[in-house]
PDB file of N, CA and C in Angstrom:
ATOM      1  N   MET A   1       0.889  -1.167   0.007  1.00  0.00           N
ATOM      2  CA  MET A   1      -0.015   0.054  -0.033  1.00  0.00           C
ATOM      3  C   MET A   1       0.801   1.237  -0.008  1.00  0.00           C
ATOM      4  N   LEU A   2       1.958   1.208   0.717  1.00  0.00           N
ATOM      5  CA  LEU A   2       2.822   2.410   0.814  1.00  0.00           C
ATOM      6  C   LEU A   2       3.377   2.741  -0.642  1.00  0.00           C
ATOM      7  N   LEU A   3       3.835   1.793  -1.388  1.00  0.00           N
ATOM      8  CA  LEU A   3       4.354   2.106  -2.677  1.00  0.00           C
ATOM      9  C   LEU A   3       3.254   2.455  -3.585  1.00  0.00           C
ATOM     10  N   GLN A   4       1.971   2.001  -3.422  1.00  0.00           N
ATOM     11  CA  GLN A   4       0.901   2.449  -4.332  1.00  0.00           C
ATOM     12  C   GLN A   4       0.580   3.868  -4.099  1.00  0.00           C
ATOM     13  N   ILE A   5       0.663   4.244  -2.867  1.00  0.00           N
ATOM     14  CA  ILE A   5       0.375   5.652  -2.499  1.00  0.00           C
ATOM     15  C   ILE A   5       1.446   6.554  -3.047  1.00  0.00           C
ATOM     16  N   ARG A   6       2.737   6.178  -2.976  1.00  0.00           N
ATOM     17  CA  ARG A   6       3.875   7.018  -3.412  1.00  0.00           C
ATOM     18  C   ARG A   6       3.660   6.996  -5.002  1.00  0.00           C
ATOM     19  N   ASN A   7       3.472   5.967  -5.665  1.00  0.00           N
ATOM     20  CA  ASN A   7       3.341   5.889  -7.113  1.00  0.00           C
ATOM     21  C   ASN A   7       2.209   6.800  -7.553  1.00  0.00           C
ATOM     22  N   TYR A   8       1.080   6.740  -6.824  1.00  0.00           N
ATOM     23  CA  TYR A   8      -0.041   7.610  -7.168  1.00  0.00           C
ATOM     24  C   TYR A   8       0.291   9.066  -7.113  1.00  0.00           C
ATOM     25  N   ILE A   9       0.997   9.522  -6.049  1.00  0.00           N
ATOM     26  CA  ILE A   9       1.351  10.883  -5.928  1.00  0.00           C
ATOM     27  C   ILE A   9       2.361  11.266  -7.018  1.00  0.00           C
ATOM     28  N   CYS A  10       3.312  10.362  -7.306  1.00  0.00           N
ATOM     29  CA  CYS A  10       4.291  10.603  -8.464  1.00  0.00           C
ATOM     30  C   CYS A  10       3.547  10.759  -9.724  1.00  0.00           C
ATOM     31  N   ARG A  11       2.599   9.960  -9.981  1.00  0.00           N
ATOM     32  CA  ARG A  11       1.885   9.946 -11.278  1.00  0.00           C
ATOM     33  C   ARG A  11       1.018  11.332 -11.399  1.00  0.00           C
ATOM     34  N   GLU A  12       0.370  11.685 -10.328  1.00  0.00           N
ATOM     35  CA  GLU A  12      -0.474  12.870 -10.369  1.00  0.00           C
ATOM     36  C   GLU A  12       0.314  14.155 -10.116  1.00  0.00           C
ATOM     37  N   GLY A  13       1.470  14.140  -9.506  1.00  0.00           N
ATOM     38  CA  GLY A  13       2.163  15.371  -9.202  1.00  0.00           C
ATOM     39  C   GLY A  13       1.868  15.930  -7.787  1.00  0.00           C
ATOM     40  N   VAL A  14       0.662  16.483  -7.728  1.00  0.00           N
ATOM     41  CA  VAL A  14       0.115  17.056  -6.560  1.00  0.00           C
ATOM     42  C   VAL A  14      -1.222  16.590  -6.295  1.00  0.00           C
ATOM     43  N   VAL A  15      -1.435  15.964  -5.132  1.00  0.00           N
ATOM     44  CA  VAL A  15      -2.716  15.413  -4.764  1.00  0.00           C
ATOM     45  C   VAL A  15      -3.183  15.870  -3.309  1.00  0.00           C
ATOM     46  N   SER A  16      -4.490  15.938  -3.179  1.00  0.00           N
ATOM     47  CA  SER A  16      -5.053  16.250  -1.820  1.00  0.00           C
ATOM     48  C   SER A  16      -5.281  14.981  -1.033  1.00  0.00           C
ATOM     49  N   THR A  17      -5.468  15.219   0.226  1.00  0.00           N
ATOM     50  CA  THR A  17      -5.762  13.994   1.095  1.00  0.00           C
ATOM     51  C   THR A  17      -7.197  13.522   0.707  1.00  0.00           C
ATOM     52  N   GLN A  18      -8.068  14.372   0.291  1.00  0.00           N
ATOM     53  CA  GLN A  18      -9.393  13.834  -0.163  1.00  0.00           C
ATOM     54  C   GLN A  18      -9.184  12.996  -1.349  1.00  0.00           C
ATOM     55  N   GLN A  19      -8.388  13.374  -2.378  1.00  0.00           N
ATOM     56  CA  GLN A  19      -8.177  12.534  -3.513  1.00  0.00           C
ATOM     57  C   GLN A  19      -7.612  11.070  -3.085  1.00  0.00           C
ATOM     58  N   LEU A  20      -6.687  11.155  -2.157  1.00  0.00           N
ATOM     59  CA  LEU A  20      -6.033   9.888  -1.730  1.00  0.00           C
ATOM     60  C   LEU A  20      -7.038   9.018  -0.903  1.00  0.00           C
ATOM     61  N   THR A  21      -7.839   9.580  -0.059  1.00  0.00           N
ATOM     62  CA  THR A  21      -8.807   8.774   0.649  1.00  0.00           C
ATOM     63  C   THR A  21      -9.831   8.187  -0.192  1.00  0.00           C
ATOM     64  N   ARG A  22     -10.238   8.860  -1.322  1.00  0.00           N
ATOM     65  CA  ARG A  22     -11.188   8.378  -2.268  1.00  0.00           C
ATOM     66  C   ARG A  22     -10.469   7.267  -3.099  1.00  0.00           C
ATOM     67  N   GLU A  23      -9.408   7.547  -3.532  1.00  0.00           N
ATOM     68  CA  GLU A  23      -8.703   6.565  -4.502  1.00  0.00           C
ATOM     69  C   GLU A  23      -8.347   5.171  -3.792  1.00  0.00           C
ATOM     70  N   PHE A  24      -7.911   5.256  -2.525  1.00  0.00           N
ATOM     71  CA  PHE A  24      -7.532   4.026  -1.840  1.00  0.00           C
ATOM     72  C   PHE A  24      -8.548   3.579  -0.836  1.00  0.00           C
ATOM     73  N   ARG A  25      -9.632   4.247  -0.836  1.00  0.00           N
ATOM     74  CA  ARG A  25     -10.787   3.930   0.131  1.00  0.00           C
ATOM     75  C   ARG A  25     -10.290   3.777   1.549  1.00  0.00           C
ATOM     76  N   LEU A  26      -9.686   4.761   2.086  1.00  0.00           N
ATOM     77  CA  LEU A  26      -9.056   4.739   3.409  1.00  0.00           C
ATOM     78  C   LEU A  26      -9.680   5.968   4.143  1.00  0.00           C
ATOM     79  N   GLU A  27      -9.624   5.738   5.493  1.00  0.00           N
ATOM     80  CA  GLU A  27      -9.971   6.882   6.383  1.00  0.00           C
ATOM     81  C   GLU A  27      -8.708   7.757   6.442  1.00  0.00           C
ATOM     82  N   LEU A  28      -8.842   9.043   6.611  1.00  0.00           N
ATOM     83  CA  LEU A  28      -7.679   9.929   6.753  1.00  0.00           C
ATOM     84  C   LEU A  28      -6.851   9.402   7.939  1.00  0.00           C
ATOM     85  N   SER A  29      -7.384   8.898   8.989  1.00  0.00           N
ATOM     86  CA  SER A  29      -6.655   8.511  10.083  1.00  0.00           C
ATOM     87  C   SER A  29      -5.643   7.321   9.795  1.00  0.00           C
ATOM     88  N   ALA A  30      -6.105   6.496   8.841  1.00  0.00           N
ATOM     89  CA  ALA A  30      -5.278   5.360   8.360  1.00  0.00           C
ATOM     90  C   ALA A  30      -4.244   5.898   7.309  1.00  0.00           C
ATOM     91  N   LEU A  31      -4.560   6.892   6.432  1.00  0.00           N
ATOM     92  CA  LEU A  31      -3.738   7.381   5.410  1.00  0.00           C
ATOM     93  C   LEU A  31      -2.596   8.227   5.996  1.00  0.00           C
ATOM     94  N   GLN A  32      -2.834   9.023   6.970  1.00  0.00           N
ATOM     95  CA  GLN A  32      -1.847  10.033   7.431  1.00  0.00           C
ATOM     96  C   GLN A  32      -0.591   9.423   7.885  1.00  0.00           C
ATOM     97  N   PRO A  33      -0.520   8.335   8.694  1.00  0.00           N
ATOM     98  CA  PRO A  33       0.814   7.767   9.043  1.00  0.00           C
ATOM     99  C   PRO A  33       1.552   7.324   7.806  1.00  0.00           C
ATOM    100  N   MET A  34       0.954   6.802   6.790  1.00  0.00           N
ATOM    101  CA  MET A  34       1.672   6.371   5.579  1.00  0.00           C
ATOM    102  C   MET A  34       2.230   7.612   4.782  1.00  0.00           C
ATOM    103  N   LEU A  35       1.525   8.728   4.736  1.00  0.00           N
ATOM    104  CA  LEU A  35       2.032  10.026   4.183  1.00  0.00           C
ATOM    105  C   LEU A  35       3.202  10.375   4.990  1.00  0.00           C
ATOM    106  N   ASP A  36       3.058  10.294   6.325  1.00  0.00           N
ATOM    107  CA  ASP A  36       4.188  10.746   7.197  1.00  0.00           C
ATOM    108  C   ASP A  36       5.499   9.950   7.005  1.00  0.00           C
ATOM    109  N   ILE A  37       5.264   8.741   6.616  1.00  0.00           N
ATOM    110  CA  ILE A  37       6.504   7.941   6.317  1.00  0.00           C
ATOM    111  C   ILE A  37       7.263   8.402   5.085  1.00  0.00           C
ATOM    112  N   TRP A  38       6.442   8.677   4.069  1.00  0.00           N
ATOM    113  CA  TRP A  38       7.069   9.213   2.748  1.00  0.00           C
ATOM    114  C   TRP A  38       7.633  10.603   2.938  1.00  0.00           C
ATOM    115  N   VAL A  39       6.971  11.429   3.758  1.00  0.00           N
ATOM    116  CA  VAL A  39       7.529  12.755   4.027  1.00  0.00           C
ATOM    117  C   VAL A  39       8.867  12.579   4.751  1.00  0.00           C
ATOM    118  N   SER A  40       8.863  11.718   5.744  1.00  0.00           N
ATOM    119  CA  SER A  40      10.173  11.622   6.484  1.00  0.00           C
ATOM    120  C   SER A  40      11.318  11.021   5.667  1.00  0.00           C
ATOM    121  N   LYS A  41      11.042  10.219   4.636  1.00  0.00           N
ATOM    122  CA  LYS A  41      11.958   9.719   3.743  1.00  0.00           C
ATOM    123  C   LYS A  41      12.325  10.576   2.630  1.00  0.00           C
ATOM    124  N   GLY A  42      11.692  11.688   2.581  1.00  0.00           N
ATOM    125  CA  GLY A  42      11.935  12.845   1.525  1.00  0.00           C
ATOM    126  C   GLY A  42      11.452  12.500   0.173  1.00  0.00           C
ATOM    127  N   ALA A  43      10.446  11.550   0.078  1.00  0.00           N
ATOM    128  CA  ALA A  43       9.852  11.292  -1.257  1.00  0.00           C
ATOM    129  C   ALA A  43       8.717  12.225  -1.594  1.00  0.00           C
ATOM    130  N   ILE A  44       8.004  12.755  -0.656  1.00  0.00           N
ATOM    131  CA  ILE A  44       6.921  13.679  -0.902  1.00  0.00           C
ATOM    132  C   ILE A  44       6.978  14.774   0.195  1.00  0.00           C
ATOM    133  N   ARG A  45       6.358  15.874  -0.107  1.00  0.00           N
ATOM    134  CA  ARG A  45       6.332  16.911   0.782  1.00  0.00           C
ATOM    135  C   ARG A  45       4.879  17.526   0.866  1.00  0.00           C
ATOM    136  N   LYS A  46       4.636  18.203   1.983  1.00  0.00           N
ATOM    137  CA  LYS A  46       3.241  18.844   2.086  1.00  0.00           C
ATOM    138  C   LYS A  46       3.366  20.150   1.466  1.00  0.00           C
ATOM    139  N   CYS A  47       2.448  20.485   0.641  1.00  0.00           N
ATOM    140  CA  CYS A  47       2.504  21.768  -0.142  1.00  0.00           C
ATOM    141  C   CYS A  47       1.523  22.803   0.550  1.00  0.00           C
ATOM    142  N   GLN A  48       1.671  23.988  -0.025  1.00  0.00           N
ATOM    143  CA  GLN A  48       0.683  25.033   0.372  1.00  0.00           C
ATOM    144  C   GLN A  48      -0.576  24.577  -0.003  1.00  0.00           C
ATOM    145  N   GLU A  49      -1.568  24.998   0.838  1.00  0.00           N
ATOM    146  CA  GLU A  49      -2.985  24.637   0.606  1.00  0.00           C
ATOM    147  C   GLU A  49      -3.405  25.495  -0.648  1.00  0.00           C
ATOM    148  N   LYS A  50      -4.090  24.859  -1.502  1.00  0.00           N
ATOM    149  CA  LYS A  50      -4.768  25.477  -2.637  1.00  0.00           C
ATOM    150  C   LYS A  50      -5.909  26.348  -2.044  1.00  0.00           C
ATOM    151  N   THR A  51      -6.399  27.265  -2.898  1.00  0.00           N
ATOM    152  CA  THR A  51      -7.637  28.002  -2.444  1.00  0.00           C
ATOM    153  C   THR A  51      -8.812  27.008  -2.481  1.00  0.00           C
ATOM    154  N   SER A  52      -9.801  27.283  -1.786  1.00  0.00           N
ATOM    155  CA  SER A  52     -10.993  26.418  -1.721  1.00  0.00           C
ATOM    156  C   SER A  52     -11.597  26.439  -3.104  1.00  0.00           C
ATOM    157  N   CYS A  53     -12.529  25.427  -3.316  1.00  0.00           N
ATOM    158  CA  CYS A  53     -13.154  25.307  -4.566  1.00  0.00           C
ATOM    159  C   CYS A  53     -14.229  26.343  -4.818  1.00  0.00           C
ATOM    160  N   GLN A  54     -14.354  27.227  -3.833  1.00  0.00           N
ATOM    161  CA  GLN A  54     -15.398  28.272  -3.937  1.00  0.00           C
ATOM    162  C   GLN A  54     -16.841  27.799  -4.037  1.00  0.00           C
ATOM    163  N   SER A  55     -17.093  26.588  -3.558  1.00  0.00           N
ATOM    164  CA  SER A  55     -18.419  26.010  -3.641  1.00  0.00           C
ATOM    165  C   SER A  55     -19.043  26.326  -2.308  1.00  0.00           C
ATOM    166  N   ALA A  56     -20.346  26.478  -2.313  1.00  0.00           N
ATOM    167  CA  ALA A  56     -21.135  26.831  -1.183  1.00  0.00           C
ATOM    168  C   ALA A  56     -21.744  25.685  -0.465  1.00  0.00           C
ATOM    169  N   CYS A  57     -21.353  24.439  -0.854  1.00  0.00           N
ATOM    170  CA  CYS A  57     -21.912  23.242  -0.340  1.00  0.00           C
ATOM    171  C   CYS A  57     -21.442  22.914   1.057  1.00  0.00           C
ATOM    172  N   PHE A  58     -20.197  23.256   1.394  1.00  0.00           N
ATOM    173  CA  PHE A  58     -19.743  23.171   2.737  1.00  0.00           C
ATOM    174  C   PHE A  58     -19.582  21.612   3.167  1.00  0.00           C
ATOM    175  N   LYS A  59     -19.413  20.809   2.084  1.00  0.00           N
ATOM    176  CA  LYS A  59     -19.263  19.351   2.406  1.00  0.00           C
ATOM    177  C   LYS A  59     -17.884  18.897   2.966  1.00  0.00           C
ATOM    178  N   CYS A  60     -16.909  19.769   2.734  1.00  0.00           N
ATOM    179  CA  CYS A  60     -15.586  19.471   3.255  1.00  0.00           C
ATOM    180  C   CYS A  60     -15.624  19.924   4.806  1.00  0.00           C
ATOM    181  N   ARG A  61     -15.456  18.927   5.666  1.00  0.00           N
ATOM    182  CA  ARG A  61     -15.504  19.212   7.100  1.00  0.00           C
ATOM    183  C   ARG A  61     -14.158  19.970   7.447  1.00  0.00           C
ATOM    184  N   THR A  62     -13.021  19.432   7.003  1.00  0.00           N
ATOM    185  CA  THR A  62     -11.770  20.034   7.191  1.00  0.00           C
ATOM    186  C   THR A  62     -11.139  20.261   5.853  1.00  0.00           C
ATOM    187  N   PRO A  63     -10.361  21.384   5.818  1.00  0.00           N
ATOM    188  CA  PRO A  63      -9.671  21.681   4.489  1.00  0.00           C
ATOM    189  C   PRO A  63      -8.661  20.584   4.146  1.00  0.00           C
ATOM    190  N   PRO A  64      -8.538  20.189   2.953  1.00  0.00           N
ATOM    191  CA  PRO A  64      -7.597  19.096   2.578  1.00  0.00           C
ATOM    192  C   PRO A  64      -6.227  19.597   2.683  1.00  0.00           C
ATOM    193  N   GLU A  65      -5.260  18.726   2.897  1.00  0.00           N
ATOM    194  CA  GLU A  65      -3.959  19.023   2.755  1.00  0.00           C
ATOM    195  C   GLU A  65      -3.478  18.500   1.422  1.00  0.00           C
ATOM    196  N   TYR A  66      -2.429  19.110   0.880  1.00  0.00           N
ATOM    197  CA  TYR A  66      -1.830  18.719  -0.429  1.00  0.00           C
ATOM    198  C   TYR A  66      -0.486  18.217  -0.348  1.00  0.00           C
ATOM    199  N   TYR A  67      -0.099  17.151  -1.137  1.00  0.00           N
ATOM    200  CA  TYR A  67       1.172  16.561  -1.094  1.00  0.00           C
ATOM    201  C   TYR A  67       1.710  16.536  -2.504  1.00  0.00           C
ATOM    202  N   GLN A  68       3.053  16.638  -2.574  1.00  0.00           N
ATOM    203  CA  GLN A  68       3.640  16.750  -3.895  1.00  0.00           C
ATOM    204  C   GLN A  68       4.830  15.734  -3.892  1.00  0.00           C
ATOM    205  N   TYR A  69       4.986  15.103  -5.038  1.00  0.00           N
ATOM    206  CA  TYR A  69       6.203  14.165  -5.258  1.00  0.00           C
ATOM    207  C   TYR A  69       7.421  14.960  -5.477  1.00  0.00           C
ATOM    208  N   ILE A  70       8.458  14.644  -4.781  1.00  0.00           N
ATOM    209  CA  ILE A  70       9.665  15.413  -4.990  1.00  0.00           C
ATOM    210  C   ILE A  70      10.907  14.611  -5.430  1.00  0.00           C
ATOM    211  N   ASN A  71      10.807  13.359  -5.657  1.00  0.00           N
ATOM    212  CA  ASN A  71      12.059  12.599  -6.027  1.00  0.00           C
ATOM    213  C   ASN A  71      12.055  12.447  -7.532  1.00  0.00           C
TER     214      ASN A  71
END
């Protein structure tokens, strides 16, 4: 699973935690430790948050974090 997550981020360039939780059908609480491993190894980094989607639906409980492949 760790390699699949890294490869997905590599392929997409920059991804949100929402994209990752949907793609891998994981809860954020299960995904975050795996992202932390790749951050500590220097394979990915947390990016600046993008601006919100400007939607008025308010479906996002917490703003997503973004990660970028750096190797």
